[in-house]
Amino acid sequence: MKKIFIKSSIILIIYFSITFLNQTISAETFRFQEGDILFQESRNSTAKAVKIATNSRYTNLGIILKYRGKFVVLESNGNVRKTDLNKFIKRGVNSWYLVKRFKNYKDIMTEENLGKLRENSNSFMGRPYDLYYGWGDEKLYSAELIWKFLKDTLGIEIAPLKKMKDFDLSNPYVKLILSQKFGKEIPLEETVISPKDILESEMLETVFPRGDMQESMGESAPENSNTEEPVP
């Protein structure tokens, strides 16, 4: 029995070592490109409500640009900013992330259009994060930023817009968060866009996942958090 146990342990160690090595090699050899859209899971109470309402683990996203020769992520985190790529990745739950890229990348992300994206990103910088998910341009949440940035710069509507009422607002936790934000006057007719809407865009394809994408949302979503992570 002892020999069988030792043999089984060795097999398990080898299996997990190979699995880890393969993930590491994949992560190190994957090449990000400007215009890639990164999705990650945030860690705060509102993010949990967003997961439930949209039925998706992803609650934050940004788009990769080059700034001073390095990859940065244009995102809305407190305000619109350019965050170092590695810093953005590490901020997500367990550093998991998913990368989406335009299917006709070469046709869309020409050098001319990439130049437009870099230049126009400056006009979005500094705008405050929108905690109330309004569709005005003065404040921007993460999915709204990406949608409007691509629309304003390249004329691309990356995903169909929705109304707040289109999401699942029936869950008690979602109702609690909405009541805390809006009281009794929930803006059900407000135009909105979610990370899941962009994630499922027919214009995009997945080019790199990292982490266990099959993990249930509940296992990876804490009830409360004091981190400053934004949500869409």
C-alpha atoms as a PDB file:
ATOM      1  CA  MET A   1       0.000   0.000   0.000  1.00  0.00           C
ATOM      2  CA  LYS A   2       2.865   2.354   0.876  1.00  0.00           C
ATOM      3  CA  LYS A   3       4.477   1.813  -2.530  1.00  0.00           C
ATOM      4  CA  ILE A   4       1.157   2.470  -4.307  1.00  0.00           C
ATOM      5  CA  PHE A   5       0.651   5.672  -2.303  1.00  0.00           C
ATOM      6  CA  ILE A   6       4.167   6.908  -3.116  1.00  0.00           C
ATOM      7  CA  LYS A   7       3.709   6.065  -6.801  1.00  0.00           C
ATOM      8  CA  SER A   8       0.358   7.896  -6.917  1.00  0.00           C
ATOM      9  CA  SER A   9       1.887  10.934  -5.215  1.00  0.00           C
ATOM     10  CA  ILE A  10       4.725  11.051  -7.722  1.00  0.00           C
ATOM     11  CA  ILE A  11       2.257  10.857 -10.631  1.00  0.00           C
ATOM     12  CA  LEU A  12       0.218  13.737  -9.172  1.00  0.00           C
ATOM     13  CA  ILE A  13       3.328  15.864  -8.656  1.00  0.00           C
ATOM     14  CA  ILE A  14       4.451  15.263 -12.233  1.00  0.00           C
ATOM     15  CA  TYR A  15       0.959  16.070 -13.570  1.00  0.00           C
ATOM     16  CA  PHE A  16       0.663  19.373 -11.722  1.00  0.00           C
ATOM     17  CA  SER A  17       4.236  20.312 -12.583  1.00  0.00           C
ATOM     18  CA  ILE A  18       3.573  19.786 -16.296  1.00  0.00           C
ATOM     19  CA  THR A  19       0.293  21.708 -16.084  1.00  0.00           C
ATOM     20  CA  PHE A  20       1.976  24.637 -14.338  1.00  0.00           C
ATOM     21  CA  LEU A  21       4.885  24.590 -16.777  1.00  0.00           C
ATOM     22  CA  ASN A  22       2.540  24.644 -19.769  1.00  0.00           C
ATOM     23  CA  GLN A  23       0.619  27.612 -18.342  1.00  0.00           C
ATOM     24  CA  THR A  24       3.867  29.451 -17.635  1.00  0.00           C
ATOM     25  CA  ILE A  25       5.222  28.823 -21.118  1.00  0.00           C
ATOM     26  CA  SER A  26       1.935  29.951 -22.670  1.00  0.00           C
ATOM     27  CA  ALA A  27       1.881  33.136 -20.604  1.00  0.00           C
ATOM     28  CA  GLU A  28       5.503  33.959 -21.416  1.00  0.00           C
ATOM     29  CA  THR A  29       5.215  33.293 -25.143  1.00  0.00           C
ATOM     30  CA  PHE A  30       1.873  35.020 -25.715  1.00  0.00           C
ATOM     31  CA  ARG A  31       2.327  38.359 -27.457  1.00  0.00           C
ATOM     32  CA  PHE A  32       0.019  41.211 -26.589  1.00  0.00           C
ATOM     33  CA  GLN A  33      -0.826  43.650 -29.347  1.00  0.00           C
ATOM     34  CA  GLU A  34      -2.127  47.197 -29.335  1.00  0.00           C
ATOM     35  CA  GLY A  35      -5.887  47.162 -29.538  1.00  0.00           C
ATOM     36  CA  ASP A  36      -6.222  43.949 -27.507  1.00  0.00           C
ATOM     37  CA  ILE A  37      -9.016  44.137 -24.941  1.00  0.00           C
ATOM     38  CA  LEU A  38      -8.319  42.664 -21.504  1.00  0.00           C
ATOM     39  CA  PHE A  39     -11.061  41.358 -19.211  1.00  0.00           C
ATOM     40  CA  GLN A  40     -10.576  40.649 -15.532  1.00  0.00           C
ATOM     41  CA  GLU A  41     -12.534  39.958 -12.364  1.00  0.00           C
ATOM     42  CA  SER A  42     -12.728  42.749  -9.787  1.00  0.00           C
ATOM     43  CA  ARG A  43     -12.943  42.285  -6.065  1.00  0.00           C
ATOM     44  CA  ASN A  44     -15.575  44.435  -4.369  1.00  0.00           C
ATOM     45  CA  SER A  45     -19.197  44.314  -3.292  1.00  0.00           C
ATOM     46  CA  THR A  46     -20.601  46.077  -6.355  1.00  0.00           C
ATOM     47  CA  ALA A  47     -18.661  43.758  -8.652  1.00  0.00           C
ATOM     48  CA  LYS A  48     -20.519  40.828  -7.130  1.00  0.00           C
ATOM     49  CA  ALA A  49     -23.832  42.455  -8.069  1.00  0.00           C
ATOM     50  CA  VAL A  50     -22.569  43.039 -11.610  1.00  0.00           C
ATOM     51  CA  LYS A  51     -21.595  39.369 -11.914  1.00  0.00           C
ATOM     52  CA  ILE A  52     -25.059  38.276 -10.890  1.00  0.00           C
ATOM     53  CA  ALA A  53     -26.911  40.808 -13.039  1.00  0.00           C
ATOM     54  CA  THR A  54     -24.879  40.033 -16.162  1.00  0.00           C
ATOM     55  CA  ASN A  55     -24.191  36.340 -15.453  1.00  0.00           C
ATOM     56  CA  SER A  56     -20.479  36.818 -16.062  1.00  0.00           C
ATOM     57  CA  ARG A  57     -17.356  36.690 -13.925  1.00  0.00           C
ATOM     58  CA  TYR A  58     -15.759  39.621 -15.743  1.00  0.00           C
ATOM     59  CA  THR A  59     -16.345  43.034 -14.197  1.00  0.00           C
ATOM     60  CA  ASN A  60     -13.490  45.196 -15.464  1.00  0.00           C
ATOM     61  CA  LEU A  61     -11.790  45.699 -18.804  1.00  0.00           C
ATOM     62  CA  GLY A  62      -9.355  47.930 -20.642  1.00  0.00           C
ATOM     63  CA  ILE A  63      -7.674  48.290 -24.007  1.00  0.00           C
ATOM     64  CA  ILE A  64      -3.941  47.931 -24.646  1.00  0.00           C
ATOM     65  CA  LEU A  65      -2.006  50.858 -26.113  1.00  0.00           C
ATOM     66  CA  LYS A  66       1.654  51.762 -26.373  1.00  0.00           C
ATOM     67  CA  TYR A  67       2.876  54.678 -24.301  1.00  0.00           C
ATOM     68  CA  ARG A  68       6.534  55.680 -24.268  1.00  0.00           C
ATOM     69  CA  GLY A  69       7.468  52.340 -25.805  1.00  0.00           C
ATOM     70  CA  LYS A  70       5.651  50.213 -23.226  1.00  0.00           C
ATOM     71  CA  PHE A  71       2.287  48.473 -23.142  1.00  0.00           C
ATOM     72  CA  VAL A  72      -0.294  50.198 -20.977  1.00  0.00           C
ATOM     73  CA  VAL A  73      -3.999  49.613 -20.440  1.00  0.00           C
ATOM     74  CA  LEU A  74      -6.427  52.466 -20.973  1.00  0.00           C
ATOM     75  CA  GLU A  75      -9.028  51.929 -18.256  1.00  0.00           C
ATOM     76  CA  SER A  76     -11.368  53.662 -15.846  1.00  0.00           C
ATOM     77  CA  ASN A  77     -10.076  53.058 -12.321  1.00  0.00           C
ATOM     78  CA  GLY A  78     -10.976  55.958 -10.059  1.00  0.00           C
ATOM     79  CA  ASN A  79     -10.576  57.985 -13.213  1.00  0.00           C
ATOM     80  CA  VAL A  80      -9.561  57.264 -16.793  1.00  0.00           C
ATOM     81  CA  ARG A  81      -5.850  56.479 -16.821  1.00  0.00           C
ATOM     82  CA  LYS A  82      -3.109  54.503 -18.538  1.00  0.00           C
ATOM     83  CA  THR A  83      -2.072  51.668 -16.264  1.00  0.00           C
ATOM     84  CA  ASP A  84       1.057  49.570 -16.666  1.00  0.00           C
ATOM     85  CA  LEU A  85       0.029  46.268 -18.265  1.00  0.00           C
ATOM     86  CA  ASN A  86       1.545  44.048 -15.565  1.00  0.00           C
ATOM     87  CA  LYS A  87       0.034  46.171 -12.812  1.00  0.00           C
ATOM     88  CA  PHE A  88      -3.394  45.879 -14.443  1.00  0.00           C
ATOM     89  CA  ILE A  89      -3.104  42.091 -14.683  1.00  0.00           C
ATOM     90  CA  LYS A  90      -1.924  41.630 -11.098  1.00  0.00           C
ATOM     91  CA  ARG A  91      -4.830  43.690  -9.766  1.00  0.00           C
ATOM     92  CA  GLY A  92      -7.424  41.159 -10.945  1.00  0.00           C
ATOM     93  CA  VAL A  93      -8.578  38.251  -8.794  1.00  0.00           C
ATOM     94  CA  ASN A  94      -5.758  35.666  -8.805  1.00  0.00           C
ATOM     95  CA  SER A  95      -4.245  37.636 -11.730  1.00  0.00           C
ATOM     96  CA  TRP A  96      -6.655  35.893 -14.098  1.00  0.00           C
ATOM     97  CA  TYR A  97      -7.388  37.636 -17.356  1.00  0.00           C
ATOM     98  CA  LEU A  98      -8.833  37.027 -20.798  1.00  0.00           C
ATOM     99  CA  VAL A  99      -7.620  38.689 -23.990  1.00  0.00           C
ATOM    100  CA  LYS A 100      -9.919  39.458 -26.905  1.00  0.00           C
ATOM    101  CA  ARG A 101      -8.748  40.695 -30.311  1.00  0.00           C
ATOM    102  CA  PHE A 102     -10.569  41.930 -33.409  1.00  0.00           C
ATOM    103  CA  LYS A 103     -11.094  39.059 -35.829  1.00  0.00           C
ATOM    104  CA  ASN A 104      -9.975  41.249 -38.719  1.00  0.00           C
ATOM    105  CA  TYR A 105      -7.210  42.777 -36.650  1.00  0.00           C
ATOM    106  CA  LYS A 106      -4.898  43.680 -39.544  1.00  0.00           C
ATOM    107  CA  ASP A 107      -7.646  45.556 -41.351  1.00  0.00           C
ATOM    108  CA  ILE A 108      -8.769  47.511 -38.274  1.00  0.00           C
ATOM    109  CA  MET A 109      -5.562  48.057 -36.325  1.00  0.00           C
ATOM    110  CA  THR A 110      -3.536  49.638 -39.090  1.00  0.00           C
ATOM    111  CA  GLU A 111      -0.642  51.858 -38.089  1.00  0.00           C
ATOM    112  CA  GLU A 112      -2.778  54.878 -38.935  1.00  0.00           C
ATOM    113  CA  ASN A 113      -5.630  53.719 -36.696  1.00  0.00           C
ATOM    114  CA  LEU A 114      -3.273  52.763 -33.884  1.00  0.00           C
ATOM    115  CA  GLY A 115      -1.892  56.278 -34.067  1.00  0.00           C
ATOM    116  CA  LYS A 116      -5.423  57.643 -33.767  1.00  0.00           C
ATOM    117  CA  LEU A 117      -6.061  55.469 -30.716  1.00  0.00           C
ATOM    118  CA  ARG A 118      -2.892  56.659 -28.997  1.00  0.00           C
ATOM    119  CA  GLU A 119      -3.643  60.297 -29.749  1.00  0.00           C
ATOM    120  CA  ASN A 120      -7.349  60.244 -28.903  1.00  0.00           C
ATOM    121  CA  SER A 121      -6.753  58.400 -25.627  1.00  0.00           C
ATOM    122  CA  ASN A 122      -5.455  61.672 -24.231  1.00  0.00           C
ATOM    123  CA  SER A 123      -8.861  63.316 -24.652  1.00  0.00           C
ATOM    124  CA  PHE A 124     -10.385  60.722 -22.280  1.00  0.00           C
ATOM    125  CA  MET A 125      -7.718  60.949 -19.585  1.00  0.00           C
ATOM    126  CA  GLY A 126      -8.730  62.077 -16.132  1.00  0.00           C
ATOM    127  CA  ARG A 127     -12.480  61.684 -16.474  1.00  0.00           C
ATOM    128  CA  PRO A 128     -13.918  60.411 -13.162  1.00  0.00           C
ATOM    129  CA  TYR A 129     -15.283  56.903 -12.735  1.00  0.00           C
ATOM    130  CA  ASP A 130     -19.084  56.787 -12.956  1.00  0.00           C
ATOM    131  CA  LEU A 131     -20.479  54.973  -9.919  1.00  0.00           C
ATOM    132  CA  TYR A 132     -24.047  55.471 -11.126  1.00  0.00           C
ATOM    133  CA  TYR A 133     -23.675  54.108 -14.659  1.00  0.00           C
ATOM    134  CA  GLY A 134     -25.050  57.131 -16.472  1.00  0.00           C
ATOM    135  CA  TRP A 135     -24.512  57.445 -20.222  1.00  0.00           C
ATOM    136  CA  GLY A 136     -23.184  60.996 -20.083  1.00  0.00           C
ATOM    137  CA  ASP A 137     -19.616  61.679 -21.188  1.00  0.00           C
ATOM    138  CA  GLU A 138     -18.422  63.551 -18.095  1.00  0.00           C
ATOM    139  CA  LYS A 139     -17.935  60.346 -16.094  1.00  0.00           C
ATOM    140  CA  LEU A 140     -17.153  56.887 -17.497  1.00  0.00           C
ATOM    141  CA  TYR A 141     -17.283  53.352 -16.119  1.00  0.00           C
ATOM    142  CA  SER A 142     -14.976  50.729 -17.622  1.00  0.00           C
ATOM    143  CA  ALA A 143     -17.165  49.150 -20.324  1.00  0.00           C
ATOM    144  CA  GLU A 144     -18.577  52.552 -21.254  1.00  0.00           C
ATOM    145  CA  LEU A 145     -15.056  53.923 -21.713  1.00  0.00           C
ATOM    146  CA  ILE A 146     -14.042  51.164 -24.122  1.00  0.00           C
ATOM    147  CA  TRP A 147     -17.288  51.399 -26.104  1.00  0.00           C
ATOM    148  CA  LYS A 148     -17.083  55.193 -26.462  1.00  0.00           C
ATOM    149  CA  PHE A 149     -13.331  55.225 -27.068  1.00  0.00           C
ATOM    150  CA  LEU A 150     -13.629  52.869 -30.053  1.00  0.00           C
ATOM    151  CA  LYS A 151     -16.747  54.629 -31.344  1.00  0.00           C
ATOM    152  CA  ASP A 152     -15.230  58.105 -31.049  1.00  0.00           C
ATOM    153  CA  THR A 153     -11.838  57.144 -32.475  1.00  0.00           C
ATOM    154  CA  LEU A 154     -12.592  54.556 -35.162  1.00  0.00           C
ATOM    155  CA  GLY A 155     -16.364  54.740 -35.571  1.00  0.00           C
ATOM    156  CA  ILE A 156     -16.708  51.171 -34.278  1.00  0.00           C
ATOM    157  CA  GLU A 157     -19.739  50.159 -32.207  1.00  0.00           C
ATOM    158  CA  ILE A 158     -18.201  47.107 -30.617  1.00  0.00           C
ATOM    159  CA  ALA A 159     -21.432  45.741 -29.120  1.00  0.00           C
ATOM    160  CA  PRO A 160     -25.142  46.619 -29.057  1.00  0.00           C
ATOM    161  CA  LEU A 161     -26.182  48.973 -26.270  1.00  0.00           C
ATOM    162  CA  LYS A 162     -28.756  47.937 -23.691  1.00  0.00           C
ATOM    163  CA  LYS A 163     -31.024  49.412 -21.057  1.00  0.00           C
ATOM    164  CA  MET A 164     -30.472  48.777 -17.368  1.00  0.00           C
ATOM    165  CA  LYS A 165     -33.777  46.891 -17.264  1.00  0.00           C
ATOM    166  CA  ASP A 166     -32.361  44.327 -19.723  1.00  0.00           C
ATOM    167  CA  PHE A 167     -30.161  42.821 -16.999  1.00  0.00           C
ATOM    168  CA  ASP A 168     -31.261  40.427 -14.261  1.00  0.00           C
ATOM    169  CA  LEU A 169     -32.101  42.751 -11.386  1.00  0.00           C
ATOM    170  CA  SER A 170     -34.253  40.263  -9.472  1.00  0.00           C
ATOM    171  CA  ASN A 171     -31.573  38.892  -7.146  1.00  0.00           C
ATOM    172  CA  PRO A 172     -31.853  40.258  -3.565  1.00  0.00           C
ATOM    173  CA  TYR A 173     -28.184  41.234  -3.477  1.00  0.00           C
ATOM    174  CA  VAL A 174     -28.495  43.130  -6.761  1.00  0.00           C
ATOM    175  CA  LYS A 175     -31.585  44.884  -5.417  1.00  0.00           C
ATOM    176  CA  LEU A 176     -29.679  45.879  -2.280  1.00  0.00           C
ATOM    177  CA  ILE A 177     -26.798  47.425  -4.236  1.00  0.00           C
ATOM    178  CA  LEU A 178     -29.194  49.268  -6.559  1.00  0.00           C
ATOM    179  CA  SER A 179     -31.182  50.636  -3.621  1.00  0.00           C
ATOM    180  CA  GLN A 180     -27.962  51.841  -1.998  1.00  0.00           C
ATOM    181  CA  LYS A 181     -26.996  53.678  -5.178  1.00  0.00           C
ATOM    182  CA  PHE A 182     -30.331  54.986  -6.416  1.00  0.00           C
ATOM    183  CA  GLY A 183     -32.873  54.621  -3.626  1.00  0.00           C
ATOM    184  CA  LYS A 184     -36.334  53.958  -5.058  1.00  0.00           C
ATOM    185  CA  GLU A 185     -35.669  55.728  -8.368  1.00  0.00           C
ATOM    186  CA  ILE A 186     -33.697  53.067 -10.259  1.00  0.00           C
ATOM    187  CA  PRO A 187     -33.011  54.321 -13.813  1.00  0.00           C
ATOM    188  CA  LEU A 188     -34.286  51.264 -15.647  1.00  0.00           C
ATOM    189  CA  GLU A 189     -34.340  53.085 -19.006  1.00  0.00           C
ATOM    190  CA  GLU A 190     -30.708  54.255 -18.747  1.00  0.00           C
ATOM    191  CA  THR A 191     -28.512  53.221 -21.679  1.00  0.00           C
ATOM    192  CA  VAL A 192     -25.772  50.871 -20.493  1.00  0.00           C
ATOM    193  CA  ILE A 193     -23.070  48.510 -21.693  1.00  0.00           C
ATOM    194  CA  SER A 194     -21.485  45.701 -19.662  1.00  0.00           C
ATOM    195  CA  PRO A 195     -18.186  43.829 -19.893  1.00  0.00           C
ATOM    196  CA  LYS A 196     -20.132  40.721 -20.916  1.00  0.00           C
ATOM    197  CA  ASP A 197     -21.683  42.583 -23.861  1.00  0.00           C
ATOM    198  CA  ILE A 198     -18.238  43.489 -25.154  1.00  0.00           C
ATOM    199  CA  LEU A 199     -16.882  40.037 -24.266  1.00  0.00           C
ATOM    200  CA  GLU A 200     -19.531  38.480 -26.523  1.00  0.00           C
ATOM    201  CA  SER A 201     -19.016  40.926 -29.395  1.00  0.00           C
ATOM    202  CA  GLU A 202     -19.117  39.195 -32.768  1.00  0.00           C
ATOM    203  CA  MET A 203     -16.199  41.383 -33.826  1.00  0.00           C
ATOM    204  CA  LEU A 204     -13.842  39.810 -31.283  1.00  0.00           C
ATOM    205  CA  GLU A 205     -12.188  36.458 -30.711  1.00  0.00           C
ATOM    206  CA  THR A 206     -10.426  35.047 -27.661  1.00  0.00           C
ATOM    207  CA  VAL A 207      -6.670  34.889 -28.152  1.00  0.00           C
ATOM    208  CA  PHE A 208      -5.499  34.143 -24.637  1.00  0.00           C
ATOM    209  CA  PRO A 209      -7.153  32.911 -21.437  1.00  0.00           C
ATOM    210  CA  ARG A 210      -5.308  32.556 -18.156  1.00  0.00           C
ATOM    211  CA  GLY A 211      -6.616  30.948 -14.993  1.00  0.00           C
ATOM    212  CA  ASP A 212      -9.408  28.451 -14.505  1.00  0.00           C
ATOM    213  CA  MET A 213     -12.197  29.877 -16.645  1.00  0.00           C
ATOM    214  CA  GLN A 214     -14.598  27.211 -15.378  1.00  0.00           C
ATOM    215  CA  GLU A 215     -14.391  28.248 -11.736  1.00  0.00           C
ATOM    216  CA  SER A 216     -17.796  29.246 -10.432  1.00  0.00           C
ATOM    217  CA  MET A 217     -18.375  32.933  -9.833  1.00  0.00           C
ATOM    218  CA  GLY A 218     -19.403  32.378  -6.239  1.00  0.00           C
ATOM    219  CA  GLU A 219     -16.122  30.731  -5.266  1.00  0.00           C
ATOM    220  CA  SER A 220     -14.036  33.625  -6.498  1.00  0.00           C
ATOM    221  CA  ALA A 221     -16.227  36.574  -5.531  1.00  0.00           C
ATOM    222  CA  PRO A 222     -15.835  37.767  -1.941  1.00  0.00           C
ATOM    223  CA  GLU A 223     -18.833  39.265  -0.195  1.00  0.00           C
ATOM    224  CA  ASN A 224     -16.974  42.402   0.832  1.00  0.00           C
ATOM    225  CA  SER A 225     -13.707  44.072   0.021  1.00  0.00           C
ATOM    226  CA  ASN A 226     -12.010  47.321   0.842  1.00  0.00           C
ATOM    227  CA  THR A 227      -9.943  47.392  -2.322  1.00  0.00           C
ATOM    228  CA  GLU A 228     -10.278  50.278  -4.732  1.00  0.00           C
ATOM    229  CA  GLU A 229     -11.133  48.078  -7.691  1.00  0.00           C
ATOM    230  CA  PRO A 230     -13.732  49.680  -9.948  1.00  0.00           C
ATOM    231  CA  VAL A 231     -16.589  47.877 -11.637  1.00  0.00           C
ATOM    232  CA  PRO A 232     -18.183  48.502 -15.029  1.00  0.00           C
END
